[in-house]
Amino acid sequence: MHMVERIQQRYKLKKKEISEYYTQGKMLLLGLDLLRQ
């Protein structure tokens, strides 16, 4: 039971990291689009 909790915790952290990277990537692409215009 304890092991499952630890895995879920790690998964939540990973999901948070991924969504943060995704947001940063989107903002970066937006910035590039603005520079190209």
C-alpha atoms as a PDB file:
ATOM      1  CA  MET A   1       0.000   0.000   0.000  1.00  0.00           C
ATOM      2  CA  HIS A   2       2.788   2.409   0.907  1.00  0.00           C
ATOM      3  CA  MET A   3       4.589   1.648  -2.346  1.00  0.00           C
ATOM      4  CA  VAL A   4       1.515   2.562  -4.394  1.00  0.00           C
ATOM      5  CA  GLU A   5       1.238   5.918  -2.620  1.00  0.00           C
ATOM      6  CA  ARG A   6       4.870   6.693  -3.371  1.00  0.00           C
ATOM      7  CA  ILE A   7       4.384   5.830  -7.056  1.00  0.00           C
ATOM      8  CA  GLN A   8       1.284   8.042  -7.247  1.00  0.00           C
ATOM      9  CA  GLN A   9       3.213  10.905  -5.639  1.00  0.00           C
ATOM     10  CA  ARG A  10       6.043  10.537  -8.159  1.00  0.00           C
ATOM     11  CA  TYR A  11       3.536  10.394 -11.024  1.00  0.00           C
ATOM     12  CA  LYS A  12       1.901  13.624  -9.838  1.00  0.00           C
ATOM     13  CA  LEU A  13       5.295  15.353  -9.741  1.00  0.00           C
ATOM     14  CA  LYS A  14       6.134  14.110 -13.230  1.00  0.00           C
ATOM     15  CA  LYS A  15       2.768  15.286 -14.548  1.00  0.00           C
ATOM     16  CA  LYS A  16       3.359  18.720 -13.008  1.00  0.00           C
ATOM     17  CA  GLU A  17       6.837  18.913 -14.563  1.00  0.00           C
ATOM     18  CA  ILE A  18       5.490  17.904 -17.964  1.00  0.00           C
ATOM     19  CA  SER A  19       2.714  20.499 -17.872  1.00  0.00           C
ATOM     20  CA  GLU A  20       5.245  23.173 -16.850  1.00  0.00           C
ATOM     21  CA  TYR A  21       7.553  22.234 -19.736  1.00  0.00           C
ATOM     22  CA  TYR A  22       4.542  22.277 -22.065  1.00  0.00           C
ATOM     23  CA  THR A  23       3.541  25.777 -20.921  1.00  0.00           C
ATOM     24  CA  GLN A  24       7.116  27.060 -21.307  1.00  0.00           C
ATOM     25  CA  GLY A  25       7.326  25.558 -24.779  1.00  0.00           C
ATOM     26  CA  LYS A  26       4.056  27.174 -25.819  1.00  0.00           C
ATOM     27  CA  MET A  27       5.239  30.565 -24.546  1.00  0.00           C
ATOM     28  CA  LEU A  28       8.541  30.126 -26.381  1.00  0.00           C
ATOM     29  CA  LEU A  29       6.736  29.358 -29.656  1.00  0.00           C
ATOM     30  CA  LEU A  30       4.485  32.367 -29.107  1.00  0.00           C
ATOM     31  CA  GLY A  31       7.553  34.573 -28.622  1.00  0.00           C
ATOM     32  CA  LEU A  32       9.139  33.247 -31.812  1.00  0.00           C
ATOM     33  CA  ASP A  33       5.940  33.931 -33.741  1.00  0.00           C
ATOM     34  CA  LEU A  34       5.918  37.518 -32.463  1.00  0.00           C
ATOM     35  CA  LEU A  35       9.556  38.010 -33.462  1.00  0.00           C
ATOM     36  CA  ARG A  36       8.926  36.732 -36.982  1.00  0.00           C
ATOM     37  CA  GLN A  37       6.125  39.204 -37.708  1.00  0.00           C
END
